[in-house]
Amino acid sequence: MPSEVDVTHGALQFRDLGDGRALWLYRKIYTFSIVIGPLNSGGYDDFWCYKDLLSATVAFLEWNPAIVPEPCGWVRHPPSGRRRFPDGDPATEEVRP
């Protein structure tokens, strides 16, 4: 009998977007991350880092990827090298390769 796959993958929060993708909220060593990716692949398409659980949770709950390309309030986007210190303000954005 096949076992069901845990699509939450140990995330603090999980949200099925209904289009084959999902959002996950993870605790990392020094930050928290919002991850977006295919629902059943075990991989991800993109992720953003947050300085604390509160800002990550707010962004996780408010973000609609069908309308806005990325969540708000992040401090690091490792795939692009972008940073928004100290508080995720887009006006402070810089790129560090």
PDB file of N, CA and C in Angstrom:
ATOM      1  N   MET A   1       0.838  -1.163   0.000  1.00  0.00           N
ATOM      2  CA  MET A   1       0.000   0.000   0.000  1.00  0.00           C
ATOM      3  C   MET A   1       0.892   1.238   0.000  1.00  0.00           C
ATOM      4  N   PRO A   2       0.749   2.131  -0.988  1.00  0.00           N
ATOM      5  CA  PRO A   2       1.617   3.305  -1.067  1.00  0.00           C
ATOM      6  C   PRO A   2       1.327   4.296   0.054  1.00  0.00           C
ATOM      7  N   SER A   3       2.402   4.885   0.588  1.00  0.00           N
ATOM      8  CA  SER A   3       2.221   5.894   1.628  1.00  0.00           C
ATOM      9  C   SER A   3       2.078   7.266   0.986  1.00  0.00           C
ATOM     10  N   GLU A   4       1.380   8.143   1.672  1.00  0.00           N
ATOM     11  CA  GLU A   4       1.210   9.494   1.158  1.00  0.00           C
ATOM     12  C   GLU A   4       2.481  10.297   1.369  1.00  0.00           C
ATOM     13  N   VAL A   5       2.771  11.171   0.423  1.00  0.00           N
ATOM     14  CA  VAL A   5       3.946  12.025   0.511  1.00  0.00           C
ATOM     15  C   VAL A   5       3.607  13.244   1.358  1.00  0.00           C
ATOM     16  N   ASP A   6       4.493  13.605   2.263  1.00  0.00           N
ATOM     17  CA  ASP A   6       4.305  14.794   3.092  1.00  0.00           C
ATOM     18  C   ASP A   6       4.730  16.015   2.289  1.00  0.00           C
ATOM     19  N   VAL A   7       3.767  16.746   1.741  1.00  0.00           N
ATOM     20  CA  VAL A   7       4.078  17.907   0.906  1.00  0.00           C
ATOM     21  C   VAL A   7       4.528  19.109   1.727  1.00  0.00           C
ATOM     22  N   THR A   8       4.368  19.041   3.048  1.00  0.00           N
ATOM     23  CA  THR A   8       4.810  20.170   3.871  1.00  0.00           C
ATOM     24  C   THR A   8       6.321  20.166   4.054  1.00  0.00           C
ATOM     25  N   HIS A   9       6.964  19.034   3.887  1.00  0.00           N
ATOM     26  CA  HIS A   9       8.424  18.897   3.974  1.00  0.00           C
ATOM     27  C   HIS A   9       8.999  19.531   5.239  1.00  0.00           C
ATOM     28  N   GLY A  10       8.275  19.423   6.344  1.00  0.00           N
ATOM     29  CA  GLY A  10       8.776  19.934   7.617  1.00  0.00           C
ATOM     30  C   GLY A  10       8.712  21.446   7.778  1.00  0.00           C
ATOM     31  N   ALA A  11       7.973  22.121   6.911  1.00  0.00           N
ATOM     32  CA  ALA A  11       7.878  23.577   6.976  1.00  0.00           C
ATOM     33  C   ALA A  11       7.088  24.034   8.189  1.00  0.00           C
ATOM     34  N   LEU A  12       7.378  25.256   8.644  1.00  0.00           N
ATOM     35  CA  LEU A  12       6.594  25.863   9.713  1.00  0.00           C
ATOM     36  C   LEU A  12       5.179  26.152   9.239  1.00  0.00           C
ATOM     37  N   GLN A  13       5.069  26.578   7.978  1.00  0.00           N
ATOM     38  CA  GLN A  13       3.775  26.815   7.358  1.00  0.00           C
ATOM     39  C   GLN A  13       3.847  26.345   5.916  1.00  0.00           C
ATOM     40  N   PHE A  14       2.696  25.965   5.396  1.00  0.00           N
ATOM     41  CA  PHE A  14       2.590  25.460   4.035  1.00  0.00           C
ATOM     42  C   PHE A  14       1.303  25.998   3.420  1.00  0.00           C
ATOM     43  N   ARG A  15       1.379  26.367   2.125  1.00  0.00           N
ATOM     44  CA  ARG A  15       0.170  26.812   1.424  1.00  0.00           C
ATOM     45  C   ARG A  15       0.188  26.303  -0.005  1.00  0.00           C
ATOM     46  N   ASP A  16      -0.828  25.549  -0.373  1.00  0.00           N
ATOM     47  CA  ASP A  16      -1.014  25.078  -1.744  1.00  0.00           C
ATOM     48  C   ASP A  16      -1.612  26.242  -2.533  1.00  0.00           C
ATOM     49  N   LEU A  17      -0.960  26.642  -3.624  1.00  0.00           N
ATOM     50  CA  LEU A  17      -1.426  27.782  -4.405  1.00  0.00           C
ATOM     51  C   LEU A  17      -2.526  27.408  -5.392  1.00  0.00           C
ATOM     52  N   GLY A  18      -2.776  26.116  -5.559  1.00  0.00           N
ATOM     53  CA  GLY A  18      -3.854  25.673  -6.437  1.00  0.00           C
ATOM     54  C   GLY A  18      -3.513  25.638  -7.910  1.00  0.00           C
ATOM     55  N   ASP A  19      -2.268  25.940  -8.246  1.00  0.00           N
ATOM     56  CA  ASP A  19      -1.852  25.935  -9.654  1.00  0.00           C
ATOM     57  C   ASP A  19      -0.679  24.980  -9.884  1.00  0.00           C
ATOM     58  N   GLY A  20      -0.525  24.025  -8.980  1.00  0.00           N
ATOM     59  CA  GLY A  20       0.600  23.088  -9.084  1.00  0.00           C
ATOM     60  C   GLY A  20       1.823  23.540  -8.306  1.00  0.00           C
ATOM     61  N   ARG A  21       1.749  24.738  -7.707  1.00  0.00           N
ATOM     62  CA  ARG A  21       2.852  25.263  -6.907  1.00  0.00           C
ATOM     63  C   ARG A  21       2.412  25.416  -5.465  1.00  0.00           C
ATOM     64  N   ALA A  22       3.395  25.612  -4.603  1.00  0.00           N
ATOM     65  CA  ALA A  22       3.101  25.812  -3.188  1.00  0.00           C
ATOM     66  C   ALA A  22       4.117  26.774  -2.594  1.00  0.00           C
ATOM     67  N   LEU A  23       3.774  27.277  -1.406  1.00  0.00           N
ATOM     68  CA  LEU A  23       4.672  28.102  -0.606  1.00  0.00           C
ATOM     69  C   LEU A  23       4.999  27.348   0.666  1.00  0.00           C
ATOM     70  N   TRP A  24       6.233  27.474   1.115  1.00  0.00           N
ATOM     71  CA  TRP A  24       6.677  26.900   2.367  1.00  0.00           C
ATOM     72  C   TRP A  24       7.387  27.988   3.164  1.00  0.00           C
ATOM     73  N   LEU A  25       7.250  27.951   4.459  1.00  0.00           N
ATOM     74  CA  LEU A  25       7.968  28.855   5.351  1.00  0.00           C
ATOM     75  C   LEU A  25       8.868  27.995   6.227  1.00  0.00           C
ATOM     76  N   TYR A  26      10.180  28.227   6.118  1.00  0.00           N
ATOM     77  CA  TYR A  26      11.158  27.420   6.841  1.00  0.00           C
ATOM     78  C   TYR A  26      11.983  28.258   7.802  1.00  0.00           C
ATOM     79  N   ARG A  27      12.376  27.639   8.898  1.00  0.00           N
ATOM     80  CA  ARG A  27      13.382  28.221   9.792  1.00  0.00           C
ATOM     81  C   ARG A  27      14.736  27.766   9.283  1.00  0.00           C
ATOM     82  N   LYS A  28      15.669  28.704   9.176  1.00  0.00           N
ATOM     83  CA  LYS A  28      17.043  28.375   8.829  1.00  0.00           C
ATOM     84  C   LYS A  28      17.904  28.637  10.063  1.00  0.00           C
ATOM     85  N   ILE A  29      19.189  28.552   9.938  1.00  0.00           N
ATOM     86  CA  ILE A  29      20.055  28.749  11.101  1.00  0.00           C
ATOM     87  C   ILE A  29      19.926  30.172  11.648  1.00  0.00           C
ATOM     88  N   TYR A  30      20.058  31.176  10.784  1.00  0.00           N
ATOM     89  CA  TYR A  30      20.032  32.571  11.231  1.00  0.00           C
ATOM     90  C   TYR A  30      18.833  33.355  10.730  1.00  0.00           C
ATOM     91  N   THR A  31      18.061  32.790   9.822  1.00  0.00           N
ATOM     92  CA  THR A  31      16.952  33.513   9.209  1.00  0.00           C
ATOM     93  C   THR A  31      15.747  32.576   9.056  1.00  0.00           C
ATOM     94  N   PHE A  32      14.731  33.113   8.404  1.00  0.00           N
ATOM     95  CA  PHE A  32      13.557  32.352   8.001  1.00  0.00           C
ATOM     96  C   PHE A  32      13.419  32.558   6.502  1.00  0.00           C
ATOM     97  N   SER A  33      12.881  31.576   5.778  1.00  0.00           N
ATOM     98  CA  SER A  33      12.771  31.677   4.322  1.00  0.00           C
ATOM     99  C   SER A  33      11.377  31.326   3.839  1.00  0.00           C
ATOM    100  N   ILE A  34      10.935  32.073   2.841  1.00  0.00           N
ATOM    101  CA  ILE A  34       9.744  31.709   2.076  1.00  0.00           C
ATOM    102  C   ILE A  34      10.248  31.073   0.791  1.00  0.00           C
ATOM    103  N   VAL A  35       9.733  29.895   0.508  1.00  0.00           N
ATOM    104  CA  VAL A  35      10.138  29.131  -0.665  1.00  0.00           C
ATOM    105  C   VAL A  35       8.913  28.913  -1.537  1.00  0.00           C
ATOM    106  N   ILE A  36       9.077  29.044  -2.856  1.00  0.00           N
ATOM    107  CA  ILE A  36       8.010  28.738  -3.800  1.00  0.00           C
ATOM    108  C   ILE A  36       8.527  27.699  -4.779  1.00  0.00           C
ATOM    109  N   GLY A  37       7.660  26.755  -5.130  1.00  0.00           N
ATOM    110  CA  GLY A  37       8.083  25.729  -6.072  1.00  0.00           C
ATOM    111  C   GLY A  37       6.968  24.773  -6.416  1.00  0.00           C
ATOM    112  N   PRO A  38       7.270  23.811  -7.285  1.00  0.00           N
ATOM    113  CA  PRO A  38       6.284  22.810  -7.675  1.00  0.00           C
ATOM    114  C   PRO A  38       5.845  21.996  -6.463  1.00  0.00           C
ATOM    115  N   LEU A  39       4.567  21.710  -6.403  1.00  0.00           N
ATOM    116  CA  LEU A  39       3.987  21.058  -5.235  1.00  0.00           C
ATOM    117  C   LEU A  39       4.589  19.695  -4.924  1.00  0.00           C
ATOM    118  N   ASN A  40       4.791  18.858  -5.898  1.00  0.00           N
ATOM    119  CA  ASN A  40       5.216  17.485  -5.614  1.00  0.00           C
ATOM    120  C   ASN A  40       6.591  17.120  -6.147  1.00  0.00           C
ATOM    121  N   SER A  41       7.446  18.089  -6.361  1.00  0.00           N
ATOM    122  CA  SER A  41       8.744  17.776  -6.957  1.00  0.00           C
ATOM    123  C   SER A  41       9.869  17.598  -5.938  1.00  0.00           C
ATOM    124  N   GLY A  42       9.706  18.173  -4.749  1.00  0.00           N
ATOM    125  CA  GLY A  42      10.793  18.160  -3.776  1.00  0.00           C
ATOM    126  C   GLY A  42      11.823  19.242  -4.038  1.00  0.00           C
ATOM    127  N   GLY A  43      11.628  20.023  -5.097  1.00  0.00           N
ATOM    128  CA  GLY A  43      12.539  21.114  -5.428  1.00  0.00           C
ATOM    129  C   GLY A  43      11.848  22.454  -5.230  1.00  0.00           C
ATOM    130  N   TYR A  44      12.527  23.523  -5.635  1.00  0.00           N
ATOM    131  CA  TYR A  44      11.934  24.850  -5.506  1.00  0.00           C
ATOM    132  C   TYR A  44      12.321  25.697  -6.713  1.00  0.00           C
ATOM    133  N   ASP A  45      11.554  26.763  -6.922  1.00  0.00           N
ATOM    134  CA  ASP A  45      11.832  27.705  -8.009  1.00  0.00           C
ATOM    135  C   ASP A  45      12.576  28.937  -7.500  1.00  0.00           C
ATOM    136  N   ASP A  46      12.261  29.373  -6.279  1.00  0.00           N
ATOM    137  CA  ASP A  46      12.858  30.599  -5.757  1.00  0.00           C
ATOM    138  C   ASP A  46      12.667  30.653  -4.240  1.00  0.00           C
ATOM    139  N   PHE A  47      13.450  31.515  -3.576  1.00  0.00           N
ATOM    140  CA  PHE A  47      13.282  31.702  -2.134  1.00  0.00           C
ATOM    141  C   PHE A  47      13.835  33.050  -1.695  1.00  0.00           C
ATOM    142  N   TRP A  48      13.322  33.523  -0.552  1.00  0.00           N
ATOM    143  CA  TRP A  48      13.678  34.815   0.015  1.00  0.00           C
ATOM    144  C   TRP A  48      13.899  34.642   1.503  1.00  0.00           C
ATOM    145  N   CYS A  49      14.860  35.367   2.056  1.00  0.00           N
ATOM    146  CA  CYS A  49      15.196  35.256   3.478  1.00  0.00           C
ATOM    147  C   CYS A  49      14.664  36.458   4.253  1.00  0.00           C
ATOM    148  N   TYR A  50      14.262  36.193   5.491  1.00  0.00           N
ATOM    149  CA  TYR A  50      13.697  37.193   6.393  1.00  0.00           C
ATOM    150  C   TYR A  50      14.462  37.196   7.697  1.00  0.00           C
ATOM    151  N   LYS A  51      14.519  38.368   8.350  1.00  0.00           N
ATOM    152  CA  LYS A  51      15.302  38.479   9.577  1.00  0.00           C
ATOM    153  C   LYS A  51      14.621  37.846  10.781  1.00  0.00           C
ATOM    154  N   ASP A  52      13.288  37.736  10.745  1.00  0.00           N
ATOM    155  CA  ASP A  52      12.591  37.163  11.902  1.00  0.00           C
ATOM    156  C   ASP A  52      11.316  36.453  11.467  1.00  0.00           C
ATOM    157  N   LEU A  53      10.770  35.687  12.380  1.00  0.00           N
ATOM    158  CA  LEU A  53       9.575  34.897  12.089  1.00  0.00           C
ATOM    159  C   LEU A  53       8.362  35.778  11.811  1.00  0.00           C
ATOM    160  N   LEU A  54       8.234  36.871  12.515  1.00  0.00           N
ATOM    161  CA  LEU A  54       7.072  37.745  12.316  1.00  0.00           C
ATOM    162  C   LEU A  54       7.024  38.298  10.899  1.00  0.00           C
ATOM    163  N   SER A  55       8.129  38.885  10.422  1.00  0.00           N
ATOM    164  CA  SER A  55       8.118  39.465   9.072  1.00  0.00           C
ATOM    165  C   SER A  55       7.932  38.382   8.007  1.00  0.00           C
ATOM    166  N   ALA A  56       8.503  37.208   8.228  1.00  0.00           N
ATOM    167  CA  ALA A  56       8.339  36.104   7.278  1.00  0.00           C
ATOM    168  C   ALA A  56       6.895  35.616   7.260  1.00  0.00           C
ATOM    169  N   THR A  57       6.280  35.511   8.424  1.00  0.00           N
ATOM    170  CA  THR A  57       4.899  35.041   8.493  1.00  0.00           C
ATOM    171  C   THR A  57       3.936  36.020   7.844  1.00  0.00           C
ATOM    172  N   VAL A  58       4.120  37.294   8.103  1.00  0.00           N
ATOM    173  CA  VAL A  58       3.268  38.317   7.486  1.00  0.00           C
ATOM    174  C   VAL A  58       3.384  38.241   5.963  1.00  0.00           C
ATOM    175  N   ALA A  59       4.600  38.185   5.449  1.00  0.00           N
ATOM    176  CA  ALA A  59       4.801  38.107   4.000  1.00  0.00           C
ATOM    177  C   ALA A  59       4.204  36.818   3.434  1.00  0.00           C
ATOM    178  N   PHE A  60       4.395  35.711   4.127  1.00  0.00           N
ATOM    179  CA  PHE A  60       3.856  34.421   3.700  1.00  0.00           C
ATOM    180  C   PHE A  60       2.338  34.485   3.569  1.00  0.00           C
ATOM    181  N   LEU A  61       1.678  35.064   4.547  1.00  0.00           N
ATOM    182  CA  LEU A  61       0.219  35.117   4.552  1.00  0.00           C
ATOM    183  C   LEU A  61      -0.345  36.118   3.550  1.00  0.00           C
ATOM    184  N   GLU A  62       0.378  37.211   3.304  1.00  0.00           N
ATOM    185  CA  GLU A  62      -0.130  38.267   2.425  1.00  0.00           C
ATOM    186  C   GLU A  62       0.203  38.081   0.952  1.00  0.00           C
ATOM    187  N   TRP A  63       1.252  37.337   0.636  1.00  0.00           N
ATOM    188  CA  TRP A  63       1.736  37.257  -0.740  1.00  0.00           C
ATOM    189  C   TRP A  63       0.806  36.443  -1.630  1.00  0.00           C
ATOM    190  N   ASN A  64       0.491  37.020  -2.786  1.00  0.00           N
ATOM    191  CA  ASN A  64      -0.253  36.323  -3.831  1.00  0.00           C
ATOM    192  C   ASN A  64       0.642  36.274  -5.067  1.00  0.00           C
ATOM    193  N   PRO A  65       1.347  35.170  -5.286  1.00  0.00           N
ATOM    194  CA  PRO A  65       2.284  35.074  -6.415  1.00  0.00           C
ATOM    195  C   PRO A  65       1.640  35.218  -7.792  1.00  0.00           C
ATOM    196  N   ALA A  66       0.331  35.034  -7.881  1.00  0.00           N
ATOM    197  CA  ALA A  66      -0.357  35.212  -9.160  1.00  0.00           C
ATOM    198  C   ALA A  66      -0.454  36.692  -9.536  1.00  0.00           C
ATOM    199  N   ILE A  67      -0.287  37.575  -8.549  1.00  0.00           N
ATOM    200  CA  ILE A  67      -0.422  39.016  -8.788  1.00  0.00           C
ATOM    201  C   ILE A  67       0.917  39.745  -8.655  1.00  0.00           C
ATOM    202  N   VAL A  68       1.685  39.404  -7.637  1.00  0.00           N
ATOM    203  CA  VAL A  68       2.951  40.086  -7.333  1.00  0.00           C
ATOM    204  C   VAL A  68       4.090  39.078  -7.484  1.00  0.00           C
ATOM    205  N   PRO A  69       5.159  39.436  -8.211  1.00  0.00           N
ATOM    206  CA  PRO A  69       6.213  38.455  -8.501  1.00  0.00           C
ATOM    207  C   PRO A  69       7.035  37.961  -7.314  1.00  0.00           C
ATOM    208  N   GLU A  70       7.107  38.751  -6.238  1.00  0.00           N
ATOM    209  CA  GLU A  70       7.850  38.283  -5.073  1.00  0.00           C
ATOM    210  C   GLU A  70       7.237  38.863  -3.809  1.00  0.00           C
ATOM    211  N   PRO A  71       7.472  38.195  -2.671  1.00  0.00           N
ATOM    212  CA  PRO A  71       6.890  38.671  -1.415  1.00  0.00           C
ATOM    213  C   PRO A  71       7.556  39.970  -0.951  1.00  0.00           C
ATOM    214  N   CYS A  72       6.939  40.620   0.020  1.00  0.00           N
ATOM    215  CA  CYS A  72       7.497  41.868   0.549  1.00  0.00           C
ATOM    216  C   CYS A  72       8.288  41.590   1.825  1.00  0.00           C
ATOM    217  N   GLY A  73       9.127  42.548   2.205  1.00  0.00           N
ATOM    218  CA  GLY A  73       9.797  42.522   3.488  1.00  0.00           C
ATOM    219  C   GLY A  73      11.037  41.666   3.624  1.00  0.00           C
ATOM    220  N   TRP A  74      11.468  41.012   2.557  1.00  0.00           N
ATOM    221  CA  TRP A  74      12.655  40.146   2.664  1.00  0.00           C
ATOM    222  C   TRP A  74      13.924  40.985   2.796  1.00  0.00           C
ATOM    223  N   VAL A  75      14.961  40.372   3.377  1.00  0.00           N
ATOM    224  CA  VAL A  75      16.241  41.061   3.528  1.00  0.00           C
ATOM    225  C   VAL A  75      17.316  40.489   2.604  1.00  0.00           C
ATOM    226  N   ARG A  76      17.131  39.256   2.142  1.00  0.00           N
ATOM    227  CA  ARG A  76      18.090  38.645   1.204  1.00  0.00           C
ATOM    228  C   ARG A  76      17.369  37.794   0.191  1.00  0.00           C
ATOM    229  N   HIS A  77      17.830  37.907  -1.055  1.00  0.00           N
ATOM    230  CA  HIS A  77      17.373  37.020  -2.124  1.00  0.00           C
ATOM    231  C   HIS A  77      18.634  36.362  -2.684  1.00  0.00           C
ATOM    232  N   PRO A  78      19.087  35.253  -2.063  1.00  0.00           N
ATOM    233  CA  PRO A  78      20.353  34.632  -2.447  1.00  0.00           C
ATOM    234  C   PRO A  78      20.507  34.300  -3.934  1.00  0.00           C
ATOM    235  N   PRO A  79      19.448  33.853  -4.637  1.00  0.00           N
ATOM    236  CA  PRO A  79      19.658  33.537  -6.054  1.00  0.00           C
ATOM    237  C   PRO A  79      20.128  34.731  -6.899  1.00  0.00           C
ATOM    238  N   SER A  80      19.727  35.959  -6.536  1.00  0.00           N
ATOM    239  CA  SER A  80      20.115  37.137  -7.317  1.00  0.00           C
ATOM    240  C   SER A  80      21.216  37.960  -6.647  1.00  0.00           C
ATOM    241  N   GLY A  81      21.510  37.684  -5.371  1.00  0.00           N
ATOM    242  CA  GLY A  81      22.493  38.474  -4.637  1.00  0.00           C
ATOM    243  C   GLY A  81      21.940  39.777  -4.101  1.00  0.00           C
ATOM    244  N   ARG A  82      20.626  40.000  -4.245  1.00  0.00           N
ATOM    245  CA  ARG A  82      20.024  41.244  -3.751  1.00  0.00           C
ATOM    246  C   ARG A  82      19.854  41.184  -2.238  1.00  0.00           C
ATOM    247  N   ARG A  83      20.042  42.356  -1.619  1.00  0.00           N
ATOM    248  CA  ARG A  83      19.867  42.503  -0.170  1.00  0.00           C
ATOM    249  C   ARG A  83      19.103  43.785   0.091  1.00  0.00           C
ATOM    250  N   ARG A  84      18.309  43.758   1.144  1.00  0.00           N
ATOM    251  CA  ARG A  84      17.536  44.930   1.558  1.00  0.00           C
ATOM    252  C   ARG A  84      17.676  45.080   3.069  1.00  0.00           C
ATOM    253  N   PHE A  85      18.817  45.642   3.487  1.00  0.00           N
ATOM    254  CA  PHE A  85      19.082  45.799   4.912  1.00  0.00           C
ATOM    255  C   PHE A  85      18.828  47.229   5.325  1.00  0.00           C
ATOM    256  N   PRO A  86      18.365  47.443   6.555  1.00  0.00           N
ATOM    257  CA  PRO A  86      18.234  46.459   7.619  1.00  0.00           C
ATOM    258  C   PRO A  86      16.853  45.820   7.716  1.00  0.00           C
ATOM    259  N   ASP A  87      15.822  46.429   7.116  1.00  0.00           N
ATOM    260  CA  ASP A  87      14.461  45.966   7.391  1.00  0.00           C
ATOM    261  C   ASP A  87      13.639  45.559   6.166  1.00  0.00           C
ATOM    262  N   GLY A  88      14.268  45.190   5.089  1.00  0.00           N
ATOM    263  CA  GLY A  88      13.512  44.749   3.925  1.00  0.00           C
ATOM    264  C   GLY A  88      12.932  45.859   3.075  1.00  0.00           C
ATOM    265  N   ASP A  89      13.392  47.080   3.277  1.00  0.00           N
ATOM    266  CA  ASP A  89      12.900  48.227   2.513  1.00  0.00           C
ATOM    267  C   ASP A  89      13.490  48.206   1.104  1.00  0.00           C
ATOM    268  N   PRO A  90      12.636  48.197   0.054  1.00  0.00           N
ATOM    269  CA  PRO A  90      13.167  48.181  -1.320  1.00  0.00           C
ATOM    270  C   PRO A  90      14.089  49.365  -1.635  1.00  0.00           C
ATOM    271  N   ALA A  91      13.932  50.483  -0.926  1.00  0.00           N
ATOM    272  CA  ALA A  91      14.790  51.646  -1.157  1.00  0.00           C
ATOM    273  C   ALA A  91      16.238  51.388  -0.764  1.00  0.00           C
ATOM    274  N   THR A  92      16.484  50.373   0.066  1.00  0.00           N
ATOM    275  CA  THR A  92      17.842  50.061   0.506  1.00  0.00           C
ATOM    276  C   THR A  92      18.472  48.919  -0.289  1.00  0.00           C
ATOM    277  N   GLU A  93      17.813  48.503  -1.357  1.00  0.00           N
ATOM    278  CA  GLU A  93      18.279  47.328  -2.098  1.00  0.00           C
ATOM    279  C   GLU A  93      19.644  47.557  -2.747  1.00  0.00           C
ATOM    280  N   GLU A  94      20.491  46.540  -2.622  1.00  0.00           N
ATOM    281  CA  GLU A  94      21.786  46.524  -3.287  1.00  0.00           C
ATOM    282  C   GLU A  94      22.054  45.096  -3.747  1.00  0.00           C
ATOM    283  N   VAL A  95      22.987  44.969  -4.661  1.00  0.00           N
ATOM    284  CA  VAL A  95      23.349  43.641  -5.170  1.00  0.00           C
ATOM    285  C   VAL A  95      24.768  43.325  -4.743  1.00  0.00           C
ATOM    286  N   ARG A  96      24.932  42.166  -4.125  1.00  0.00           N
ATOM    287  CA  ARG A  96      26.253  41.689  -3.732  1.00  0.00           C
ATOM    288  C   ARG A  96      26.438  40.308  -4.374  1.00  0.00           C
ATOM    289  N   PRO A  97      27.204  40.245  -5.429  1.00  0.00           N
ATOM    290  CA  PRO A  97      27.372  38.945  -6.110  1.00  0.00           C
ATOM    291  C   PRO A  97      28.015  37.881  -5.241  1.00  0.00           C
TER     292      PRO A  97
END
